[in-house]
Amino acid sequence: MDKYIYDESNGLWYELQGDYYIPCLTLTAEEERPIGIWGQRHKRYLKEYKNVTYTTLLISGKLNSYLADINEQSQERFERLIEQMNQSQSITEQLKAENALEWTGRMNSIRACAMEIVNKEIIYA
């Protein structure tokens, strides 16, 4: 039996593995973009709860770019939320200079709220 055969009807090469011919398939090259923390969280969510979507993106070669886009959207939303909350609660550099401990506590609270909103709206949606 030949190690490799070519099927003209579908244009695929097959490799002999034991008693069976397995198609020689390769994924298309995907551009490398960093996925960041938000993309990693969404990837973990997809793997655990949306397995079909995760597998489809992986097989199509679009997973990395999809996760990089999610990361960018999430980061932009997170920063915008923090800025809006700072303005609405009148947290300024003057407060930071006068009372650093209070400023730190309020900023940590705002960051936690913004993180919850981004998780609910984008990451775990």
PDB file of N, CA and C in Angstrom:
ATOM      1  N   MET A   1       0.839  -1.175   0.000  1.00  0.00           N
ATOM      2  CA  MET A   1       0.000   0.000   0.000  1.00  0.00           C
ATOM      3  C   MET A   1       0.893   1.251   0.000  1.00  0.00           C
ATOM      4  N   ASP A   2       0.468   2.241  -0.762  1.00  0.00           N
ATOM      5  CA  ASP A   2       1.218   3.486  -0.842  1.00  0.00           C
ATOM      6  C   ASP A   2       1.087   4.272   0.450  1.00  0.00           C
ATOM      7  N   LYS A   3       2.160   4.948   0.835  1.00  0.00           N
ATOM      8  CA  LYS A   3       2.149   5.776   2.053  1.00  0.00           C
ATOM      9  C   LYS A   3       1.236   6.989   1.862  1.00  0.00           C
ATOM     10  N   TYR A   4       1.267   7.609   0.671  1.00  0.00           N
ATOM     11  CA  TYR A   4       0.428   8.768   0.353  1.00  0.00           C
ATOM     12  C   TYR A   4      -0.362   8.493  -0.917  1.00  0.00           C
ATOM     13  N   ILE A   5      -1.616   8.938  -0.933  1.00  0.00           N
ATOM     14  CA  ILE A   5      -2.417   8.859  -2.153  1.00  0.00           C
ATOM     15  C   ILE A   5      -3.104  10.202  -2.356  1.00  0.00           C
ATOM     16  N   TYR A   6      -3.453  10.500  -3.616  1.00  0.00           N
ATOM     17  CA  TYR A   6      -4.128  11.751  -3.962  1.00  0.00           C
ATOM     18  C   TYR A   6      -5.500  11.415  -4.497  1.00  0.00           C
ATOM     19  N   ASP A   7      -6.535  12.080  -3.944  1.00  0.00           N
ATOM     20  CA  ASP A   7      -7.908  11.881  -4.394  1.00  0.00           C
ATOM     21  C   ASP A   7      -8.278  13.051  -5.295  1.00  0.00           C
ATOM     22  N   GLU A   8      -8.458  12.780  -6.580  1.00  0.00           N
ATOM     23  CA  GLU A   8      -8.757  13.839  -7.540  1.00  0.00           C
ATOM     24  C   GLU A   8     -10.157  14.404  -7.371  1.00  0.00           C
ATOM     25  N   SER A   9     -11.070  13.662  -6.783  1.00  0.00           N
ATOM     26  CA  SER A   9     -12.450  14.152  -6.647  1.00  0.00           C
ATOM     27  C   SER A   9     -12.557  15.307  -5.646  1.00  0.00           C
ATOM     28  N   ASN A  10     -11.713  15.308  -4.622  1.00  0.00           N
ATOM     29  CA  ASN A  10     -11.779  16.407  -3.649  1.00  0.00           C
ATOM     30  C   ASN A  10     -10.470  17.185  -3.546  1.00  0.00           C
ATOM     31  N   GLY A  11      -9.431  16.733  -4.231  1.00  0.00           N
ATOM     32  CA  GLY A  11      -8.167  17.460  -4.259  1.00  0.00           C
ATOM     33  C   GLY A  11      -7.352  17.339  -2.985  1.00  0.00           C
ATOM     34  N   LEU A  12      -7.532  16.272  -2.213  1.00  0.00           N
ATOM     35  CA  LEU A  12      -6.801  16.101  -0.966  1.00  0.00           C
ATOM     36  C   LEU A  12      -5.794  14.964  -1.064  1.00  0.00           C
ATOM     37  N   TRP A  13      -4.695  15.140  -0.318  1.00  0.00           N
ATOM     38  CA  TRP A  13      -3.726  14.068  -0.143  1.00  0.00           C
ATOM     39  C   TRP A  13      -4.103  13.307   1.121  1.00  0.00           C
ATOM     40  N   TYR A  14      -3.863  11.996   1.116  1.00  0.00           N
ATOM     41  CA  TYR A  14      -4.138  11.141   2.264  1.00  0.00           C
ATOM     42  C   TYR A  14      -2.869  10.396   2.643  1.00  0.00           C
ATOM     43  N   GLU A  15      -2.671  10.211   3.948  1.00  0.00           N
ATOM     44  CA  GLU A  15      -1.496   9.511   4.458  1.00  0.00           C
ATOM     45  C   GLU A  15      -1.953   8.233   5.144  1.00  0.00           C
ATOM     46  N   LEU A  16      -1.232   7.142   4.912  1.00  0.00           N
ATOM     47  CA  LEU A  16      -1.571   5.860   5.521  1.00  0.00           C
ATOM     48  C   LEU A  16      -1.153   5.867   6.987  1.00  0.00           C
ATOM     49  N   GLN A  17      -2.123   5.674   7.884  1.00  0.00           N
ATOM     50  CA  GLN A  17      -1.895   5.586   9.324  1.00  0.00           C
ATOM     51  C   GLN A  17      -2.465   4.240   9.781  1.00  0.00           C
ATOM     52  N   GLY A  18      -1.613   3.268   9.974  1.00  0.00           N
ATOM     53  CA  GLY A  18      -2.098   1.925  10.320  1.00  0.00           C
ATOM     54  C   GLY A  18      -2.806   1.327   9.116  1.00  0.00           C
ATOM     55  N   ASP A  19      -4.098   1.018   9.266  1.00  0.00           N
ATOM     56  CA  ASP A  19      -4.894   0.450   8.176  1.00  0.00           C
ATOM     57  C   ASP A  19      -5.759   1.486   7.466  1.00  0.00           C
ATOM     58  N   TYR A  20      -5.676   2.753   7.868  1.00  0.00           N
ATOM     59  CA  TYR A  20      -6.573   3.776   7.337  1.00  0.00           C
ATOM     60  C   TYR A  20      -5.792   4.919   6.700  1.00  0.00           C
ATOM     61  N   TYR A  21      -6.412   5.521   5.708  1.00  0.00           N
ATOM     62  CA  TYR A  21      -5.865   6.723   5.104  1.00  0.00           C
ATOM     63  C   TYR A  21      -6.520   7.941   5.766  1.00  0.00           C
ATOM     64  N   ILE A  22      -5.677   8.807   6.304  1.00  0.00           N
ATOM     65  CA  ILE A  22      -6.126  10.006   7.002  1.00  0.00           C
ATOM     66  C   ILE A  22      -5.796  11.210   6.125  1.00  0.00           C
ATOM     67  N   PRO A  23      -6.739  12.172   5.961  1.00  0.00           N
ATOM     68  CA  PRO A  23      -6.433  13.343   5.122  1.00  0.00           C
ATOM     69  C   PRO A  23      -5.297  14.177   5.723  1.00  0.00           C
ATOM     70  N   CYS A  24      -4.444  14.677   4.861  1.00  0.00           N
ATOM     71  CA  CYS A  24      -3.348  15.557   5.285  1.00  0.00           C
ATOM     72  C   CYS A  24      -3.878  16.991   5.282  1.00  0.00           C
ATOM     73  N   LEU A  25      -4.303  17.449   6.438  1.00  0.00           N
ATOM     74  CA  LEU A  25      -4.887  18.778   6.567  1.00  0.00           C
ATOM     75  C   LEU A  25      -3.977  19.678   7.384  1.00  0.00           C
ATOM     76  N   THR A  26      -3.909  20.938   7.002  1.00  0.00           N
ATOM     77  CA  THR A  26      -3.152  21.924   7.761  1.00  0.00           C
ATOM     78  C   THR A  26      -4.016  23.169   7.922  1.00  0.00           C
ATOM     79  N   LEU A  27      -3.816  23.869   9.015  1.00  0.00           N
ATOM     80  CA  LEU A  27      -4.521  25.122   9.242  1.00  0.00           C
ATOM     81  C   LEU A  27      -3.829  26.233   8.474  1.00  0.00           C
ATOM     82  N   THR A  28      -4.616  27.195   8.044  1.00  0.00           N
ATOM     83  CA  THR A  28      -4.025  28.349   7.379  1.00  0.00           C
ATOM     84  C   THR A  28      -3.281  29.193   8.402  1.00  0.00           C
ATOM     85  N   ALA A  29      -2.280  29.882   7.942  1.00  0.00           N
ATOM     86  CA  ALA A  29      -1.488  30.722   8.841  1.00  0.00           C
ATOM     87  C   ALA A  29      -2.350  31.878   9.341  1.00  0.00           C
ATOM     88  N   GLU A  30      -2.343  32.071  10.639  1.00  0.00           N
ATOM     89  CA  GLU A  30      -3.142  33.121  11.260  1.00  0.00           C
ATOM     90  C   GLU A  30      -2.196  34.197  11.773  1.00  0.00           C
ATOM     91  N   GLU A  31      -2.600  35.450  11.624  1.00  0.00           N
ATOM     92  CA  GLU A  31      -1.720  36.517  12.092  1.00  0.00           C
ATOM     93  C   GLU A  31      -1.613  36.452  13.611  1.00  0.00           C
ATOM     94  N   GLU A  32      -0.427  36.675  14.095  1.00  0.00           N
ATOM     95  CA  GLU A  32      -0.165  36.609  15.529  1.00  0.00           C
ATOM     96  C   GLU A  32      -0.396  37.969  16.166  1.00  0.00           C
ATOM     97  N   ARG A  33      -1.408  38.040  17.010  1.00  0.00           N
ATOM     98  CA  ARG A  33      -1.690  39.242  17.783  1.00  0.00           C
ATOM     99  C   ARG A  33      -1.837  38.813  19.233  1.00  0.00           C
ATOM    100  N   PRO A  34      -1.319  39.598  20.151  1.00  0.00           N
ATOM    101  CA  PRO A  34      -1.455  39.218  21.567  1.00  0.00           C
ATOM    102  C   PRO A  34      -2.918  39.283  22.000  1.00  0.00           C
ATOM    103  N   ILE A  35      -3.343  38.298  22.778  1.00  0.00           N
ATOM    104  CA  ILE A  35      -4.747  38.264  23.175  1.00  0.00           C
ATOM    105  C   ILE A  35      -4.976  38.880  24.548  1.00  0.00           C
ATOM    106  N   GLY A  36      -3.966  39.067  25.343  1.00  0.00           N
ATOM    107  CA  GLY A  36      -4.107  39.761  26.618  1.00  0.00           C
ATOM    108  C   GLY A  36      -4.981  39.030  27.627  1.00  0.00           C
ATOM    109  N   ILE A  37      -5.172  39.664  28.775  1.00  0.00           N
ATOM    110  CA  ILE A  37      -5.902  39.041  29.881  1.00  0.00           C
ATOM    111  C   ILE A  37      -7.379  38.880  29.563  1.00  0.00           C
ATOM    112  N   TRP A  38      -7.982  39.884  28.912  1.00  0.00           N
ATOM    113  CA  TRP A  38      -9.405  39.788  28.587  1.00  0.00           C
ATOM    114  C   TRP A  38      -9.646  38.674  27.569  1.00  0.00           C
ATOM    115  N   GLY A  39      -8.780  38.569  26.576  1.00  0.00           N
ATOM    116  CA  GLY A  39      -8.904  37.511  25.571  1.00  0.00           C
ATOM    117  C   GLY A  39      -8.719  36.131  26.173  1.00  0.00           C
ATOM    118  N   GLN A  40      -7.803  36.016  27.135  1.00  0.00           N
ATOM    119  CA  GLN A  40      -7.588  34.725  27.790  1.00  0.00           C
ATOM    120  C   GLN A  40      -8.809  34.316  28.613  1.00  0.00           C
ATOM    121  N   ARG A  41      -9.422  35.284  29.283  1.00  0.00           N
ATOM    122  CA  ARG A  41     -10.636  34.984  30.053  1.00  0.00           C
ATOM    123  C   ARG A  41     -11.758  34.523  29.130  1.00  0.00           C
ATOM    124  N   HIS A  42     -11.919  35.226  28.012  1.00  0.00           N
ATOM    125  CA  HIS A  42     -12.985  34.855  27.081  1.00  0.00           C
ATOM    126  C   HIS A  42     -12.703  33.484  26.455  1.00  0.00           C
ATOM    127  N   LYS A  43     -11.447  33.194  26.183  1.00  0.00           N
ATOM    128  CA  LYS A  43     -11.072  31.881  25.634  1.00  0.00           C
ATOM    129  C   LYS A  43     -11.432  30.770  26.616  1.00  0.00           C
ATOM    130  N   ARG A  44     -11.125  30.985  27.883  1.00  0.00           N
ATOM    131  CA  ARG A  44     -11.457  29.992  28.910  1.00  0.00           C
ATOM    132  C   ARG A  44     -12.978  29.792  28.994  1.00  0.00           C
ATOM    133  N   TYR A  45     -13.729  30.906  28.894  1.00  0.00           N
ATOM    134  CA  TYR A  45     -15.193  30.833  28.908  1.00  0.00           C
ATOM    135  C   TYR A  45     -15.703  30.049  27.696  1.00  0.00           C
ATOM    136  N   LEU A  46     -15.169  30.340  26.517  1.00  0.00           N
ATOM    137  CA  LEU A  46     -15.591  29.621  25.317  1.00  0.00           C
ATOM    138  C   LEU A  46     -15.308  28.129  25.425  1.00  0.00           C
ATOM    139  N   LYS A  47     -14.122  27.781  25.904  1.00  0.00           N
ATOM    140  CA  LYS A  47     -13.759  26.367  26.046  1.00  0.00           C
ATOM    141  C   LYS A  47     -14.710  25.632  26.978  1.00  0.00           C
ATOM    142  N   GLU A  48     -15.087  26.302  28.067  1.00  0.00           N
ATOM    143  CA  GLU A  48     -15.895  25.643  29.087  1.00  0.00           C
ATOM    144  C   GLU A  48     -17.385  25.634  28.768  1.00  0.00           C
ATOM    145  N   TYR A  49     -17.915  26.747  28.239  1.00  0.00           N
ATOM    146  CA  TYR A  49     -19.366  26.866  28.091  1.00  0.00           C
ATOM    147  C   TYR A  49     -19.850  26.967  26.654  1.00  0.00           C
ATOM    148  N   LYS A  50     -19.009  27.331  25.721  1.00  0.00           N
ATOM    149  CA  LYS A  50     -19.398  27.481  24.310  1.00  0.00           C
ATOM    150  C   LYS A  50     -18.429  26.691  23.442  1.00  0.00           C
ATOM    151  N   ASN A  51     -18.366  25.407  23.687  1.00  0.00           N
ATOM    152  CA  ASN A  51     -17.372  24.559  23.038  1.00  0.00           C
ATOM    153  C   ASN A  51     -17.516  24.538  21.518  1.00  0.00           C
ATOM    154  N   VAL A  52     -18.736  24.561  20.999  1.00  0.00           N
ATOM    155  CA  VAL A  52     -18.940  24.517  19.552  1.00  0.00           C
ATOM    156  C   VAL A  52     -18.380  25.786  18.912  1.00  0.00           C
ATOM    157  N   THR A  53     -18.643  26.944  19.519  1.00  0.00           N
ATOM    158  CA  THR A  53     -18.115  28.206  19.001  1.00  0.00           C
ATOM    159  C   THR A  53     -16.592  28.199  19.041  1.00  0.00           C
ATOM    160  N   TYR A  54     -16.031  27.742  20.157  1.00  0.00           N
ATOM    161  CA  TYR A  54     -14.574  27.673  20.297  1.00  0.00           C
ATOM    162  C   TYR A  54     -13.975  26.778  19.209  1.00  0.00           C
ATOM    163  N   THR A  55     -14.535  25.605  19.012  1.00  0.00           N
ATOM    164  CA  THR A  55     -14.013  24.661  18.023  1.00  0.00           C
ATOM    165  C   THR A  55     -14.140  25.215  16.612  1.00  0.00           C
ATOM    166  N   THR A  56     -15.270  25.859  16.320  1.00  0.00           N
ATOM    167  CA  THR A  56     -15.469  26.446  14.994  1.00  0.00           C
ATOM    168  C   THR A  56     -14.427  27.520  14.708  1.00  0.00           C
ATOM    169  N   LEU A  57     -14.193  28.397  15.674  1.00  0.00           N
ATOM    170  CA  LEU A  57     -13.191  29.448  15.499  1.00  0.00           C
ATOM    171  C   LEU A  57     -11.790  28.858  15.364  1.00  0.00           C
ATOM    172  N   LEU A  58     -11.503  27.830  16.143  1.00  0.00           N
ATOM    173  CA  LEU A  58     -10.193  27.192  16.099  1.00  0.00           C
ATOM    174  C   LEU A  58      -9.947  26.537  14.740  1.00  0.00           C
ATOM    175  N   ILE A  59     -10.916  25.801  14.258  1.00  0.00           N
ATOM    176  CA  ILE A  59     -10.769  25.088  12.992  1.00  0.00           C
ATOM    177  C   ILE A  59     -10.696  26.049  11.817  1.00  0.00           C
ATOM    178  N   SER A  60     -11.460  27.134  11.885  1.00  0.00           N
ATOM    179  CA  SER A  60     -11.451  28.100  10.773  1.00  0.00           C
ATOM    180  C   SER A  60     -10.195  28.963  10.769  1.00  0.00           C
ATOM    181  N   GLY A  61      -9.411  28.922  11.855  1.00  0.00           N
ATOM    182  CA  GLY A  61      -8.192  29.708  11.924  1.00  0.00           C
ATOM    183  C   GLY A  61      -8.425  31.147  12.336  1.00  0.00           C
ATOM    184  N   LYS A  62      -9.588  31.444  12.913  1.00  0.00           N
ATOM    185  CA  LYS A  62      -9.926  32.812  13.282  1.00  0.00           C
ATOM    186  C   LYS A  62      -9.925  33.045  14.791  1.00  0.00           C
ATOM    187  N   LEU A  63      -9.541  32.053  15.562  1.00  0.00           N
ATOM    188  CA  LEU A  63      -9.625  32.164  17.020  1.00  0.00           C
ATOM    189  C   LEU A  63      -8.734  33.273  17.556  1.00  0.00           C
ATOM    190  N   ASN A  64      -7.485  33.318  17.140  1.00  0.00           N
ATOM    191  CA  ASN A  64      -6.557  34.309  17.689  1.00  0.00           C
ATOM    192  C   ASN A  64      -7.002  35.735  17.379  1.00  0.00           C
ATOM    193  N   SER A  65      -7.400  35.994  16.137  1.00  0.00           N
ATOM    194  CA  SER A  65      -7.822  37.354  15.791  1.00  0.00           C
ATOM    195  C   SER A  65      -9.121  37.712  16.511  1.00  0.00           C
ATOM    196  N   TYR A  66     -10.027  36.755  16.678  1.00  0.00           N
ATOM    197  CA  TYR A  66     -11.269  36.996  17.421  1.00  0.00           C
ATOM    198  C   TYR A  66     -10.961  37.365  18.870  1.00  0.00           C
ATOM    199  N   LEU A  67     -10.075  36.613  19.513  1.00  0.00           N
ATOM    200  CA  LEU A  67      -9.725  36.892  20.910  1.00  0.00           C
ATOM    201  C   LEU A  67      -8.971  38.213  21.044  1.00  0.00           C
ATOM    202  N   ALA A  68      -8.135  38.543  20.074  1.00  0.00           N
ATOM    203  CA  ALA A  68      -7.434  39.828  20.109  1.00  0.00           C
ATOM    204  C   ALA A  68      -8.425  40.984  19.984  1.00  0.00           C
ATOM    205  N   ASP A  69      -9.439  40.825  19.137  1.00  0.00           N
ATOM    206  CA  ASP A  69     -10.479  41.851  19.010  1.00  0.00           C
ATOM    207  C   ASP A  69     -11.272  41.999  20.308  1.00  0.00           C
ATOM    208  N   ILE A  70     -11.624  40.883  20.925  1.00  0.00           N
ATOM    209  CA  ILE A  70     -12.328  40.913  22.215  1.00  0.00           C
ATOM    210  C   ILE A  70     -11.476  41.622  23.254  1.00  0.00           C
ATOM    211  N   ASN A  71     -10.184  41.344  23.265  1.00  0.00           N
ATOM    212  CA  ASN A  71      -9.285  41.985  24.216  1.00  0.00           C
ATOM    213  C   ASN A  71      -9.258  43.501  24.021  1.00  0.00           C
ATOM    214  N   GLU A  72      -9.157  43.945  22.767  1.00  0.00           N
ATOM    215  CA  GLU A  72      -9.130  45.376  22.485  1.00  0.00           C
ATOM    216  C   GLU A  72     -10.438  46.051  22.890  1.00  0.00           C
ATOM    217  N   GLN A  73     -11.568  45.441  22.541  1.00  0.00           N
ATOM    218  CA  GLN A  73     -12.874  46.009  22.901  1.00  0.00           C
ATOM    219  C   GLN A  73     -13.025  46.103  24.415  1.00  0.00           C
ATOM    220  N   SER A  74     -12.630  45.054  25.099  1.00  0.00           N
ATOM    221  CA  SER A  74     -12.761  45.011  26.554  1.00  0.00           C
ATOM    222  C   SER A  74     -11.883  46.064  27.216  1.00  0.00           C
ATOM    223  N   GLN A  75     -10.646  46.197  26.747  1.00  0.00           N
ATOM    224  CA  GLN A  75      -9.735  47.170  27.333  1.00  0.00           C
ATOM    225  C   GLN A  75     -10.243  48.593  27.121  1.00  0.00           C
ATOM    226  N   GLU A  76     -10.743  48.881  25.920  1.00  0.00           N
ATOM    227  CA  GLU A  76     -11.291  50.209  25.638  1.00  0.00           C
ATOM    228  C   GLU A  76     -12.503  50.506  26.518  1.00  0.00           C
ATOM    229  N   ARG A  77     -13.385  49.528  26.649  1.00  0.00           N
ATOM    230  CA  ARG A  77     -14.582  49.704  27.487  1.00  0.00           C
ATOM    231  C   ARG A  77     -14.182  49.899  28.946  1.00  0.00           C
ATOM    232  N   PHE A  78     -13.218  49.140  29.425  1.00  0.00           N
ATOM    233  CA  PHE A  78     -12.742  49.228  30.801  1.00  0.00           C
ATOM    234  C   PHE A  78     -12.187  50.626  31.085  1.00  0.00           C
ATOM    235  N   GLU A  79     -11.338  51.121  30.199  1.00  0.00           N
ATOM    236  CA  GLU A  79     -10.744  52.444  30.388  1.00  0.00           C
ATOM    237  C   GLU A  79     -11.789  53.553  30.320  1.00  0.00           C
ATOM    238  N   ARG A  80     -12.748  53.428  29.394  1.00  0.00           N
ATOM    239  CA  ARG A  80     -13.810  54.421  29.274  1.00  0.00           C
ATOM    240  C   ARG A  80     -14.686  54.441  30.524  1.00  0.00           C
ATOM    241  N   LEU A  81     -15.011  53.264  31.055  1.00  0.00           N
ATOM    242  CA  LEU A  81     -15.810  53.186  32.284  1.00  0.00           C
ATOM    243  C   LEU A  81     -15.091  53.838  33.460  1.00  0.00           C
ATOM    244  N   ILE A  82     -13.807  53.578  33.593  1.00  0.00           N
ATOM    245  CA  ILE A  82     -13.042  54.170  34.695  1.00  0.00           C
ATOM    246  C   ILE A  82     -13.039  55.687  34.580  1.00  0.00           C
ATOM    247  N   GLU A  83     -12.832  56.178  33.378  1.00  0.00           N
ATOM    248  CA  GLU A  83     -12.816  57.627  33.170  1.00  0.00           C
ATOM    249  C   GLU A  83     -14.182  58.245  33.500  1.00  0.00           C
ATOM    250  N   GLN A  84     -15.264  57.617  33.053  1.00  0.00           N
ATOM    251  CA  GLN A  84     -16.605  58.135  33.332  1.00  0.00           C
ATOM    252  C   GLN A  84     -16.923  58.094  34.822  1.00  0.00           C
ATOM    253  N   MET A  85     -16.551  57.022  35.490  1.00  0.00           N
ATOM    254  CA  MET A  85     -16.813  56.917  36.923  1.00  0.00           C
ATOM    255  C   MET A  85     -15.979  57.922  37.714  1.00  0.00           C
ATOM    256  N   ASN A  86     -14.748  58.161  37.284  1.00  0.00           N
ATOM    257  CA  ASN A  86     -13.909  59.177  37.936  1.00  0.00           C
ATOM    258  C   ASN A  86     -14.567  60.548  37.845  1.00  0.00           C
ATOM    259  N   GLN A  87     -15.089  60.872  36.669  1.00  0.00           N
ATOM    260  CA  GLN A  87     -15.737  62.166  36.489  1.00  0.00           C
ATOM    261  C   GLN A  87     -17.018  62.267  37.317  1.00  0.00           C
ATOM    262  N   SER A  88     -17.807  61.208  37.329  1.00  0.00           N
ATOM    263  CA  SER A  88     -19.077  61.266  38.056  1.00  0.00           C
ATOM    264  C   SER A  88     -18.870  61.325  39.575  1.00  0.00           C
ATOM    265  N   GLN A  89     -17.772  60.767  40.075  1.00  0.00           N
ATOM    266  CA  GLN A  89     -17.509  60.774  41.518  1.00  0.00           C
ATOM    267  C   GLN A  89     -16.502  61.852  41.919  1.00  0.00           C
ATOM    268  N   SER A  90     -16.134  62.706  40.974  1.00  0.00           N
ATOM    269  CA  SER A  90     -15.219  63.828  41.226  1.00  0.00           C
ATOM    270  C   SER A  90     -13.897  63.382  41.857  1.00  0.00           C
ATOM    271  N   ILE A  91     -13.320  62.348  41.300  1.00  0.00           N
ATOM    272  CA  ILE A  91     -12.012  61.883  41.759  1.00  0.00           C
ATOM    273  C   ILE A  91     -10.969  62.570  40.893  1.00  0.00           C
ATOM    274  N   THR A  92     -10.146  63.404  41.520  1.00  0.00           N
ATOM    275  CA  THR A  92      -9.185  64.228  40.786  1.00  0.00           C
ATOM    276  C   THR A  92      -7.774  63.998  41.298  1.00  0.00           C
ATOM    277  N   GLU A  93      -6.835  64.620  40.608  1.00  0.00           N
ATOM    278  CA  GLU A  93      -5.444  64.577  41.043  1.00  0.00           C
ATOM    279  C   GLU A  93      -5.256  65.345  42.355  1.00  0.00           C
ATOM    280  N   GLN A  94      -6.123  66.322  42.585  1.00  0.00           N
ATOM    281  CA  GLN A  94      -6.059  67.075  43.841  1.00  0.00           C
ATOM    282  C   GLN A  94      -6.366  66.166  45.021  1.00  0.00           C
ATOM    283  N   LEU A  95      -7.390  65.298  44.866  1.00  0.00           N
ATOM    284  CA  LEU A  95      -7.709  64.329  45.920  1.00  0.00           C
ATOM    285  C   LEU A  95      -6.527  63.390  46.135  1.00  0.00           C
ATOM    286  N   LYS A  96      -5.897  62.991  45.057  1.00  0.00           N
ATOM    287  CA  LYS A  96      -4.741  62.095  45.149  1.00  0.00           C
ATOM    288  C   LYS A  96      -3.621  62.750  45.950  1.00  0.00           C
ATOM    289  N   ALA A  97      -3.408  64.040  45.722  1.00  0.00           N
ATOM    290  CA  ALA A  97      -2.341  64.753  46.427  1.00  0.00           C
ATOM    291  C   ALA A  97      -2.697  64.981  47.900  1.00  0.00           C
ATOM    292  N   GLU A  98      -3.970  65.244  48.182  1.00  0.00           N
ATOM    293  CA  GLU A  98      -4.381  65.564  49.550  1.00  0.00           C
ATOM    294  C   GLU A  98      -4.574  64.321  50.414  1.00  0.00           C
ATOM    295  N   ASN A  99      -5.200  63.290  49.835  1.00  0.00           N
ATOM    296  CA  ASN A  99      -5.517  62.104  50.624  1.00  0.00           C
ATOM    297  C   ASN A  99      -5.309  60.858  49.748  1.00  0.00           C
ATOM    298  N   ALA A 100      -4.090  60.407  49.681  1.00  0.00           N
ATOM    299  CA  ALA A 100      -3.734  59.288  48.793  1.00  0.00           C
ATOM    300  C   ALA A 100      -4.450  58.001  49.178  1.00  0.00           C
ATOM    301  N   LEU A 101      -4.664  57.781  50.457  1.00  0.00           N
ATOM    302  CA  LEU A 101      -5.314  56.543  50.905  1.00  0.00           C
ATOM    303  C   LEU A 101      -6.773  56.492  50.452  1.00  0.00           C
ATOM    304  N   GLU A 102      -7.484  57.590  50.593  1.00  0.00           N
ATOM    305  CA  GLU A 102      -8.881  57.637  50.143  1.00  0.00           C
ATOM    306  C   GLU A 102      -8.949  57.489  48.627  1.00  0.00           C
ATOM    307  N   TRP A 103      -8.038  58.185  47.918  1.00  0.00           N
ATOM    308  CA  TRP A 103      -8.001  58.092  46.461  1.00  0.00           C
ATOM    309  C   TRP A 103      -7.777  56.646  46.020  1.00  0.00           C
ATOM    310  N   THR A 104      -6.850  55.959  46.671  1.00  0.00           N
ATOM    311  CA  THR A 104      -6.552  54.557  46.325  1.00  0.00           C
ATOM    312  C   THR A 104      -7.767  53.669  46.550  1.00  0.00           C
ATOM    313  N   GLY A 105      -8.432  53.857  47.669  1.00  0.00           N
ATOM    314  CA  GLY A 105      -9.619  53.052  47.956  1.00  0.00           C
ATOM    315  C   GLY A 105     -10.731  53.274  46.951  1.00  0.00           C
ATOM    316  N   ARG A 106     -10.969  54.525  46.611  1.00  0.00           N
ATOM    317  CA  ARG A 106     -12.028  54.837  45.644  1.00  0.00           C
ATOM    318  C   ARG A 106     -11.677  54.335  44.251  1.00  0.00           C
ATOM    319  N   MET A 107     -10.411  54.449  43.867  1.00  0.00           N
ATOM    320  CA  MET A 107      -9.983  53.950  42.552  1.00  0.00           C
ATOM    321  C   MET A 107     -10.089  52.429  42.479  1.00  0.00           C
ATOM    322  N   ASN A 108      -9.728  51.750  43.559  1.00  0.00           N
ATOM    323  CA  ASN A 108      -9.866  50.285  43.581  1.00  0.00           C
ATOM    324  C   ASN A 108     -11.329  49.886  43.448  1.00  0.00           C
ATOM    325  N   SER A 109     -12.209  50.614  44.090  1.00  0.00           N
ATOM    326  CA  SER A 109     -13.638  50.337  43.988  1.00  0.00           C
ATOM    327  C   SER A 109     -14.135  50.549  42.555  1.00  0.00           C
ATOM    328  N   ILE A 110     -13.702  51.630  41.936  1.00  0.00           N
ATOM    329  CA  ILE A 110     -14.098  51.923  40.557  1.00  0.00           C
ATOM    330  C   ILE A 110     -13.569  50.853  39.606  1.00  0.00           C
ATOM    331  N   ARG A 111     -12.319  50.465  39.789  1.00  0.00           N
ATOM    332  CA  ARG A 111     -11.740  49.425  38.928  1.00  0.00           C
ATOM    333  C   ARG A 111     -12.493  48.099  39.073  1.00  0.00           C
ATOM    334  N   ALA A 112     -12.872  47.754  40.295  1.00  0.00           N
ATOM    335  CA  ALA A 112     -13.619  46.512  40.522  1.00  0.00           C
ATOM    336  C   ALA A 112     -14.985  46.573  39.839  1.00  0.00           C
ATOM    337  N   CYS A 113     -15.654  47.715  39.950  1.00  0.00           N
ATOM    338  CA  CYS A 113     -16.963  47.873  39.296  1.00  0.00           C
ATOM    339  C   CYS A 113     -16.825  47.795  37.779  1.00  0.00           C
ATOM    340  N   ALA A 114     -15.824  48.481  37.235  1.00  0.00           N
ATOM    341  CA  ALA A 114     -15.607  48.472  35.792  1.00  0.00           C
ATOM    342  C   ALA A 114     -15.277  47.056  35.299  1.00  0.00           C
ATOM    343  N   MET A 115     -14.498  46.325  36.081  1.00  0.00           N
ATOM    344  CA  MET A 115     -14.142  44.959  35.702  1.00  0.00           C
ATOM    345  C   MET A 115     -15.380  44.062  35.675  1.00  0.00           C
ATOM    346  N   GLU A 116     -16.253  44.215  36.645  1.00  0.00           N
ATOM    347  CA  GLU A 116     -17.492  43.428  36.666  1.00  0.00           C
ATOM    348  C   GLU A 116     -18.359  43.736  35.457  1.00  0.00           C
ATOM    349  N   ILE A 117     -18.455  45.013  35.105  1.00  0.00           N
ATOM    350  CA  ILE A 117     -19.280  45.403  33.955  1.00  0.00           C
ATOM    351  C   ILE A 117     -18.714  44.812  32.666  1.00  0.00           C
ATOM    352  N   VAL A 118     -17.421  44.910  32.468  1.00  0.00           N
ATOM    353  CA  VAL A 118     -16.794  44.366  31.256  1.00  0.00           C
ATOM    354  C   VAL A 118     -16.960  42.846  31.208  1.00  0.00           C
ATOM    355  N   ASN A 119     -16.768  42.192  32.334  1.00  0.00           N
ATOM    356  CA  ASN A 119     -16.960  40.734  32.372  1.00  0.00           C
ATOM    357  C   ASN A 119     -18.374  40.361  31.972  1.00  0.00           C
ATOM    358  N   LYS A 120     -19.352  41.075  32.509  1.00  0.00           N
ATOM    359  CA  LYS A 120     -20.759  40.739  32.233  1.00  0.00           C
ATOM    360  C   LYS A 120     -21.153  41.072  30.801  1.00  0.00           C
ATOM    361  N   GLU A 121     -20.701  42.235  30.288  1.00  0.00           N
ATOM    362  CA  GLU A 121     -21.129  42.680  28.961  1.00  0.00           C
ATOM    363  C   GLU A 121     -20.378  42.016  27.816  1.00  0.00           C
ATOM    364  N   ILE A 122     -19.097  41.719  28.008  1.00  0.00           N
ATOM    365  CA  ILE A 122     -18.281  41.241  26.878  1.00  0.00           C
ATOM    366  C   ILE A 122     -17.719  39.839  27.106  1.00  0.00           C
ATOM    367  N   ILE A 123     -17.047  39.643  28.213  1.00  0.00           N
ATOM    368  CA  ILE A 123     -16.288  38.393  28.416  1.00  0.00           C
ATOM    369  C   ILE A 123     -17.192  37.181  28.592  1.00  0.00           C
ATOM    370  N   TYR A 124     -18.191  37.286  29.442  1.00  0.00           N
ATOM    371  CA  TYR A 124     -19.052  36.137  29.734  1.00  0.00           C
ATOM    372  C   TYR A 124     -20.425  36.269  29.095  1.00  0.00           C
ATOM    373  N   ALA A 125     -20.482  36.907  27.941  1.00  0.00           N
ATOM    374  CA  ALA A 125     -21.765  37.077  27.243  1.00  0.00           C
ATOM    375  C   ALA A 125     -21.846  36.147  26.058  1.00  0.00           C
TER     376      ALA A 125
END
